[in-house]
């Protein structure tokens, strides 16, 4: 999953039970729906920071959340 059209990103490291390994501050996926689900279920370390899904070719932010949303 090194290449993809959708980037899940945050200013802080992210953790998710849906990923097999820690992904640091970004993760690339090919599937839009999967990227949104993974971002929605992910958390930042420390908690409370924003997580976004960006469509890489256009730079459009498709989804964003902060802890507690």
Protein backbone atom coordinates (compact mmCIF):
# COMPACT_ATOMS: atom_id res chain seq x y z
CA UNK A 1 0.00 0.00 0.00
CA UNK A 2 2.83 2.41 -0.77
CA UNK A 3 1.09 3.96 -3.77
CA UNK A 4 -2.46 5.21 -3.88
CA UNK A 5 -4.81 7.99 -4.79
CA UNK A 6 -5.91 8.71 -1.20
CA UNK A 7 -3.63 9.81 1.63
CA UNK A 8 -4.65 9.60 5.27
CA UNK A 9 -2.60 12.21 7.09
CA UNK A 10 -2.13 13.94 10.42
CA UNK A 11 0.35 16.24 12.13
CA UNK A 12 0.86 13.53 14.79
CA UNK A 13 1.43 9.79 14.48
CA UNK A 14 -1.73 7.75 13.90
CA UNK A 15 -2.76 4.33 15.18
CA UNK A 16 -5.59 2.14 13.93
CA UNK A 17 -6.80 -1.37 14.67
CA UNK A 18 -7.68 -1.63 10.95
CA UNK A 19 -4.02 -1.47 9.87
CA UNK A 20 -1.55 -4.26 10.51
CA UNK A 21 1.25 -1.89 11.45
CA UNK A 22 1.69 1.66 12.68
CA UNK A 23 1.62 4.11 9.78
CA UNK A 24 3.29 7.17 11.25
CA UNK A 25 1.85 10.47 10.03
CA UNK A 26 0.46 9.30 6.67
CA UNK A 27 -0.82 6.25 4.82
CA UNK A 28 -1.63 5.77 1.13
CA UNK A 29 -4.63 3.74 -0.06
CA UNK A 30 -6.26 3.13 -3.45
CA UNK A 31 -9.86 2.88 -2.27
CA UNK A 32 -11.70 6.07 -1.23
CA UNK A 33 -14.26 4.36 1.01
CA UNK A 34 -11.57 2.32 2.75
CA UNK A 35 -9.46 5.43 3.32
CA UNK A 36 -12.39 7.24 4.96
CA UNK A 37 -13.25 4.26 7.18
CA UNK A 38 -9.64 3.81 8.29
CA UNK A 39 -9.35 7.54 9.04
CA UNK A 40 -12.63 7.55 10.96
CA UNK A 41 -11.48 4.64 13.12
CA UNK A 42 -7.92 5.95 13.65
CA UNK A 43 -6.59 7.98 16.54
CA UNK A 44 -3.62 10.26 16.94
CA UNK A 45 -0.85 10.07 19.51
CA UNK A 46 -1.30 12.26 21.51
CA UNK A 47 -5.10 12.21 21.14
CA UNK A 48 -7.13 15.11 19.84
CA UNK A 49 -5.31 16.04 16.64
CA UNK A 50 -6.94 16.22 13.21
CA UNK A 51 -6.89 13.32 10.75
CA UNK A 52 -7.63 13.99 7.07
CA UNK A 53 -8.21 12.01 3.87
CA UNK A 54 -6.79 13.81 0.84
CA UNK A 55 -7.39 12.93 -2.82
CA UNK A 56 -3.75 13.11 -3.95
CA UNK A 57 -4.25 14.04 -7.65
CA UNK A 58 -6.43 17.08 -6.80
CA UNK A 59 -5.38 17.92 -3.24
CA UNK A 60 -9.05 17.96 -2.20
CA UNK A 61 -9.72 17.12 1.45
CA UNK A 62 -12.46 14.46 1.37
CA UNK A 63 -12.78 13.81 5.10
CA UNK A 64 -11.49 15.30 8.32
CA UNK A 65 -12.02 14.61 11.98
CA UNK A 66 -10.61 15.54 15.35
CA UNK A 67 -10.72 13.36 18.44
CA UNK A 68 -14.16 13.44 19.98
CA UNK A 69 -16.03 14.08 16.72
